[in-house]
C-alpha atoms as a PDB file:
ATOM      1  CA  MET A   1       0.000   0.000   0.000  1.00  0.00           C
ATOM      2  CA  CYS A   2       1.501   3.326  -0.964  1.00  0.00           C
ATOM      3  CA  SER A   3       1.574   6.298   1.390  1.00  0.00           C
ATOM      4  CA  SER A   4      -1.401   8.100  -0.168  1.00  0.00           C
ATOM      5  CA  ASP A   5      -3.494   4.901   0.048  1.00  0.00           C
ATOM      6  CA  LEU A   6      -2.513   4.588   3.704  1.00  0.00           C
ATOM      7  CA  ASN A   7      -3.508   8.202   4.377  1.00  0.00           C
ATOM      8  CA  ASP A   8      -6.908   7.520   2.808  1.00  0.00           C
ATOM      9  CA  ALA A   9      -7.473   4.126   4.441  1.00  0.00           C
ATOM     10  CA  ILE A  10      -6.541   4.841   8.070  1.00  0.00           C
ATOM     11  CA  HIS A  11      -8.645   7.272  10.034  1.00  0.00           C
ATOM     12  CA  LEU A  12      -7.783   8.565  13.505  1.00  0.00           C
ATOM     13  CA  VAL A  13     -10.514   8.924  16.113  1.00  0.00           C
ATOM     14  CA  PHE A  14     -10.227  10.286  19.640  1.00  0.00           C
ATOM     15  CA  GLN A  15     -11.758   8.827  22.787  1.00  0.00           C
ATOM     16  CA  PRO A  16     -11.789  10.798  26.077  1.00  0.00           C
ATOM     17  CA  ILE A  17     -10.128   9.206  29.104  1.00  0.00           C
ATOM     18  CA  THR A  18     -11.924   9.826  32.375  1.00  0.00           C
ATOM     19  CA  SER A  19      -9.725  10.730  35.308  1.00  0.00           C
ATOM     20  CA  LEU A  20     -10.265   9.149  38.711  1.00  0.00           C
ATOM     21  CA  GLN A  21      -8.773  12.280  40.278  1.00  0.00           C
ATOM     22  CA  GLY A  22     -11.424  14.692  38.996  1.00  0.00           C
ATOM     23  CA  GLU A  23      -9.189  16.609  36.599  1.00  0.00           C
ATOM     24  CA  THR A  24     -11.038  18.993  34.302  1.00  0.00           C
ATOM     25  CA  THR A  25      -8.871  18.407  31.217  1.00  0.00           C
ATOM     26  CA  HIS A  26      -9.168  14.844  30.001  1.00  0.00           C
ATOM     27  CA  PRO A  27      -6.589  13.395  27.649  1.00  0.00           C
ATOM     28  CA  HIS A  28      -7.950  11.549  24.634  1.00  0.00           C
ATOM     29  CA  ASP A  29      -6.779   8.185  23.327  1.00  0.00           C
ATOM     30  CA  VAL A  30      -5.798   8.179  19.677  1.00  0.00           C
ATOM     31  CA  LEU A  31      -7.389   5.189  17.971  1.00  0.00           C
ATOM     32  CA  ALA A  32      -6.637   4.122  14.422  1.00  0.00           C
ATOM     33  CA  CYS A  33      -9.531   2.795  12.369  1.00  0.00           C
ATOM     34  CA  LEU A  34      -9.342   1.334   8.930  1.00  0.00           C
ATOM     35  CA  LEU A  35     -11.871   2.633   6.430  1.00  0.00           C
ATOM     36  CA  ASP A  36     -13.268  -0.010   4.091  1.00  0.00           C
ATOM     37  CA  PRO A  37     -13.919   0.842   0.413  1.00  0.00           C
ATOM     38  CA  ASN A  38     -17.370   2.149   1.407  1.00  0.00           C
ATOM     39  CA  GLY A  39     -15.884   4.529   4.002  1.00  0.00           C
ATOM     40  CA  VAL A  40     -17.141   2.499   6.977  1.00  0.00           C
ATOM     41  CA  GLU A  41     -14.802   2.368  10.004  1.00  0.00           C
ATOM     42  CA  GLN A  42     -13.445  -1.085  10.766  1.00  0.00           C
ATOM     43  CA  SER A  43     -11.657  -2.220  13.896  1.00  0.00           C
ATOM     44  CA  ALA A  44      -7.911  -1.735  13.807  1.00  0.00           C
ATOM     45  CA  HIS A  45      -7.261  -5.013  15.604  1.00  0.00           C
ATOM     46  CA  TRP A  46      -6.661  -7.125  12.509  1.00  0.00           C
ATOM     47  CA  PHE A  47      -4.380  -4.694  10.681  1.00  0.00           C
ATOM     48  CA  ILE A  48      -2.372  -3.953  13.843  1.00  0.00           C
ATOM     49  CA  GLU A  49      -1.902  -7.698  14.309  1.00  0.00           C
ATOM     50  CA  ALA A  50      -0.749  -7.932  10.679  1.00  0.00           C
ATOM     51  CA  ALA A  51       1.673  -5.042  11.324  1.00  0.00           C
ATOM     52  CA  ARG A  52       3.115  -7.046  14.254  1.00  0.00           C
ATOM     53  CA  GLN A  53       3.575 -10.138  12.109  1.00  0.00           C
ATOM     54  CA  PHE A  54       5.333  -8.223   9.337  1.00  0.00           C
ATOM     55  CA  GLN A  55       7.439  -6.048  11.681  1.00  0.00           C
ATOM     56  CA  LEU A  56       5.619  -2.856  10.627  1.00  0.00           C
ATOM     57  CA  VAL A  57       4.544  -1.633  14.069  1.00  0.00           C
ATOM     58  CA  THR A  58       7.323   0.947  14.214  1.00  0.00           C
ATOM     59  CA  ALA A  59       6.276   2.354  10.836  1.00  0.00           C
ATOM     60  CA  LEU A  60       2.636   2.459  11.969  1.00  0.00           C
ATOM     61  CA  ASP A  61       3.594   4.125  15.286  1.00  0.00           C
ATOM     62  CA  ARG A  62       5.573   6.763  13.398  1.00  0.00           C
ATOM     63  CA  TRP A  63       2.738   7.354  10.923  1.00  0.00           C
ATOM     64  CA  VAL A  64       0.199   7.847  13.733  1.00  0.00           C
ATOM     65  CA  THR A  65       2.619  10.038  15.698  1.00  0.00           C
ATOM     66  CA  GLY A  66       3.339  12.205  12.660  1.00  0.00           C
ATOM     67  CA  ARG A  67      -0.380  12.703  12.003  1.00  0.00           C
ATOM     68  CA  VAL A  68      -1.077  13.559  15.647  1.00  0.00           C
ATOM     69  CA  LEU A  69       1.824  16.021  15.835  1.00  0.00           C
ATOM     70  CA  THR A  70       0.571  17.804  12.726  1.00  0.00           C
ATOM     71  CA  LEU A  71      -2.970  17.916  14.093  1.00  0.00           C
ATOM     72  CA  GLN A  72      -1.962  19.126  17.560  1.00  0.00           C
ATOM     73  CA  HIS A  73       0.348  21.762  16.077  1.00  0.00           C
ATOM     74  CA  LYS A  74      -2.466  23.149  13.909  1.00  0.00           C
ATOM     75  CA  ARG A  75      -4.796  23.255  16.929  1.00  0.00           C
ATOM     76  CA  GLU A  76      -2.191  24.464  19.440  1.00  0.00           C
ATOM     77  CA  ASN A  77      -4.012  27.648  20.450  1.00  0.00           C
ATOM     78  CA  THR A  78      -7.463  26.089  20.795  1.00  0.00           C
ATOM     79  CA  HIS A  79      -7.263  24.502  24.264  1.00  0.00           C
ATOM     80  CA  THR A  80      -7.192  20.991  22.848  1.00  0.00           C
ATOM     81  CA  PRO A  81      -6.743  18.109  25.270  1.00  0.00           C
ATOM     82  CA  PRO A  82      -3.535  16.099  25.383  1.00  0.00           C
ATOM     83  CA  LEU A  83      -3.569  13.156  22.980  1.00  0.00           C
ATOM     84  CA  VAL A  84      -2.375   9.687  23.992  1.00  0.00           C
ATOM     85  CA  ILE A  85      -0.525   7.633  21.387  1.00  0.00           C
ATOM     86  CA  LYS A  86      -0.087   3.937  22.115  1.00  0.00           C
ATOM     87  CA  LEU A  87       3.353   2.638  21.143  1.00  0.00           C
ATOM     88  CA  GLY A  88       3.978  -0.979  20.217  1.00  0.00           C
ATOM     89  CA  GLU A  89       6.645  -3.306  21.509  1.00  0.00           C
ATOM     90  CA  GLN A  90       8.792  -2.941  18.376  1.00  0.00           C
ATOM     91  CA  THR A  91       9.022   0.804  18.988  1.00  0.00           C
ATOM     92  CA  VAL A  92       9.963   0.234  22.637  1.00  0.00           C
ATOM     93  CA  ARG A  93      12.712  -2.199  21.603  1.00  0.00           C
ATOM     94  CA  ASP A  94      14.114   0.454  19.271  1.00  0.00           C
ATOM     95  CA  ALA A  95      13.687   3.407  21.638  1.00  0.00           C
ATOM     96  CA  GLU A  96      16.820   5.235  20.476  1.00  0.00           C
ATOM     97  CA  ALA A  97      15.740   5.234  16.841  1.00  0.00           C
ATOM     98  CA  PHE A  98      12.232   6.390  17.765  1.00  0.00           C
ATOM     99  CA  LEU A  99      13.584   9.280  19.860  1.00  0.00           C
ATOM    100  CA  ASN A 100      16.002  10.222  17.054  1.00  0.00           C
ATOM    101  CA  TRP A 101      13.060  10.273  14.647  1.00  0.00           C
ATOM    102  CA  LEU A 102      10.756  12.125  17.075  1.00  0.00           C
ATOM    103  CA  ALA A 103      13.109  15.023  17.932  1.00  0.00           C
ATOM    104  CA  PRO A 104      13.062  16.631  14.447  1.00  0.00           C
ATOM    105  CA  GLN A 105       9.317  15.978  14.161  1.00  0.00           C
ATOM    106  CA  LEU A 106       8.719  17.980  17.341  1.00  0.00           C
ATOM    107  CA  ALA A 107      11.101  20.688  16.109  1.00  0.00           C
ATOM    108  CA  ARG A 108       8.933  21.039  12.965  1.00  0.00           C
ATOM    109  CA  HIS A 109       5.683  20.871  14.963  1.00  0.00           C
ATOM    110  CA  PRO A 110       6.465  22.508  18.323  1.00  0.00           C
ATOM    111  CA  LEU A 111       3.894  21.876  21.038  1.00  0.00           C
ATOM    112  CA  ALA A 112       3.401  22.969  24.614  1.00  0.00           C
ATOM    113  CA  PRO A 113       4.770  20.379  27.059  1.00  0.00           C
ATOM    114  CA  GLY A 114       2.272  17.672  27.926  1.00  0.00           C
ATOM    115  CA  LYS A 115       0.193  17.956  24.725  1.00  0.00           C
ATOM    116  CA  ILE A 116       1.408  14.522  23.602  1.00  0.00           C
ATOM    117  CA  ILE A 117       1.464  11.470  25.862  1.00  0.00           C
ATOM    118  CA  PHE A 118       2.898   8.160  24.706  1.00  0.00           C
ATOM    119  CA  SER A 119       1.579   5.035  26.364  1.00  0.00           C
ATOM    120  CA  LEU A 120       3.281   1.708  26.869  1.00  0.00           C
ATOM    121  CA  ARG A 121       1.748  -1.508  28.142  1.00  0.00           C
ATOM    122  CA  GLU A 122       3.049  -2.689  31.507  1.00  0.00           C
ATOM    123  CA  SER A 123       3.971  -6.076  30.014  1.00  0.00           C
ATOM    124  CA  GLU A 124       6.136  -4.438  27.336  1.00  0.00           C
ATOM    125  CA  ILE A 125       7.819  -2.194  29.885  1.00  0.00           C
ATOM    126  CA  GLU A 126       8.600  -5.198  32.028  1.00  0.00           C
ATOM    127  CA  LYS A 127      10.142  -7.082  29.077  1.00  0.00           C
ATOM    128  CA  HIS A 128      12.217  -4.080  27.963  1.00  0.00           C
ATOM    129  CA  ILE A 129      12.772  -2.080  31.156  1.00  0.00           C
ATOM    130  CA  ARG A 130      16.057  -0.458  30.099  1.00  0.00           C
ATOM    131  CA  LYS A 131      14.594   0.664  26.778  1.00  0.00           C
ATOM    132  CA  ALA A 132      11.433   1.901  28.527  1.00  0.00           C
ATOM    133  CA  ILE A 133      13.513   3.966  30.966  1.00  0.00           C
ATOM    134  CA  LEU A 134      15.490   5.437  28.049  1.00  0.00           C
ATOM    135  CA  LEU A 135      12.253   6.194  26.205  1.00  0.00           C
ATOM    136  CA  SER A 136      10.657   7.787  29.277  1.00  0.00           C
ATOM    137  CA  ARG A 137      13.626  10.072  29.886  1.00  0.00           C
ATOM    138  CA  GLY A 138      13.917  10.954  26.214  1.00  0.00           C
ATOM    139  CA  LEU A 139      10.232  11.775  25.908  1.00  0.00           C
ATOM    140  CA  ARG A 140      10.386  14.000  28.977  1.00  0.00           C
ATOM    141  CA  ALA A 141      13.409  15.836  27.520  1.00  0.00           C
ATOM    142  CA  LEU A 142      11.394  16.450  24.329  1.00  0.00           C
ATOM    143  CA  GLY A 143       8.358  17.788  26.225  1.00  0.00           C
ATOM    144  CA  ALA A 144       6.241  14.658  25.828  1.00  0.00           C
ATOM    145  CA  ASP A 145       4.924  12.438  28.589  1.00  0.00           C
ATOM    146  CA  LEU A 146       4.661   8.708  29.263  1.00  0.00           C
ATOM    147  CA  MET A 147       1.657   6.737  30.506  1.00  0.00           C
ATOM    148  CA  ILE A 148       1.724   3.127  31.695  1.00  0.00           C
ATOM    149  CA  GLU A 149      -1.267   1.136  30.410  1.00  0.00           C
ATOM    150  CA  HIS A 150      -2.794  -2.090  31.712  1.00  0.00           C
ATOM    151  CA  PHE A 151      -1.043  -1.497  35.011  1.00  0.00           C
ATOM    152  CA  GLY A 152      -1.231  -3.922  37.900  1.00  0.00           C
ATOM    153  CA  LEU A 153      -1.080  -7.291  36.167  1.00  0.00           C
ATOM    154  CA  SER A 154       2.444  -8.335  37.101  1.00  0.00           C
ATOM    155  CA  ILE A 155       3.826  -9.065  40.522  1.00  0.00           C
ATOM    156  CA  HIS A 156       6.501  -6.433  39.857  1.00  0.00           C
ATOM    157  CA  ALA A 157       4.070  -3.655  38.922  1.00  0.00           C
ATOM    158  CA  LEU A 158       4.970  -1.343  41.808  1.00  0.00           C
ATOM    159  CA  LYS A 159       8.698  -1.719  41.073  1.00  0.00           C
ATOM    160  CA  LEU A 160       8.058  -0.428  37.556  1.00  0.00           C
ATOM    161  CA  LEU A 161       6.785   2.824  39.047  1.00  0.00           C
ATOM    162  CA  ASP A 162      10.137   3.304  40.793  1.00  0.00           C
ATOM    163  CA  HIS A 163      11.987   2.760  37.504  1.00  0.00           C
ATOM    164  CA  LEU A 164       9.807   5.247  35.614  1.00  0.00           C
ATOM    165  CA  PRO A 165       9.495   8.327  37.821  1.00  0.00           C
ATOM    166  CA  ASP A 166       9.118  10.539  34.717  1.00  0.00           C
ATOM    167  CA  ARG A 167       5.772   8.992  33.753  1.00  0.00           C
ATOM    168  CA  LYS A 168       2.741  11.282  33.544  1.00  0.00           C
ATOM    169  CA  SER A 169       0.112   8.783  34.624  1.00  0.00           C
ATOM    170  CA  THR A 170      -0.825   5.167  35.062  1.00  0.00           C
ATOM    171  CA  ARG A 171      -3.940   3.481  33.731  1.00  0.00           C
ATOM    172  CA  LEU A 172      -5.116   0.462  35.676  1.00  0.00           C
ATOM    173  CA  ASN A 173      -5.964  -2.761  33.934  1.00  0.00           C
ATOM    174  CA  SER A 174      -9.732  -3.060  33.679  1.00  0.00           C
ATOM    175  CA  SER A 175      -9.738  -6.286  35.706  1.00  0.00           C
ATOM    176  CA  HIS A 176      -9.118  -4.136  38.801  1.00  0.00           C
ATOM    177  CA  TYR A 177     -12.361  -2.199  38.566  1.00  0.00           C
ATOM    178  CA  LEU A 178     -14.866  -4.081  36.393  1.00  0.00           C
ATOM    179  CA  ASP A 179     -16.435  -5.775  39.412  1.00  0.00           C
ATOM    180  CA  LEU A 180     -16.846  -2.569  41.438  1.00  0.00           C
END
């Protein structure tokens, strides 16, 4: 699929995240949807799984990040909420390359600190702790934030918090509150 086909086929949607602390500004998750030939949104699950199989997650993460940076830069003065971009395991494993790619992108599309939040799954952080620490520090230096997703599943979950003091927030795994 060429770049223009990709730009036409993938559509970004934004879903508000409710804070348990009563904050008035709610970040929004960035979700990628695939548009079928009739323009109907389809779940991204199958094409993200295909991206994993073919080692294209990093390219997809960069494409989504580039689109979000452009969008946030255009809307910078409109009190837009922070946007949360989920990063895949391949991007975490290659943290240095992602940060080297991200720095010039942010230079071209400068944003106020905290307007972009990158999220990593707890399980991926645990597997690649050194890379996650490097990514967290690098993101903070660039004015972006880190969120831990699906937190609380491992027996070492609280230790991860000590290793990532630069994180912006933590999102609990839904198994912790579904029965409330």
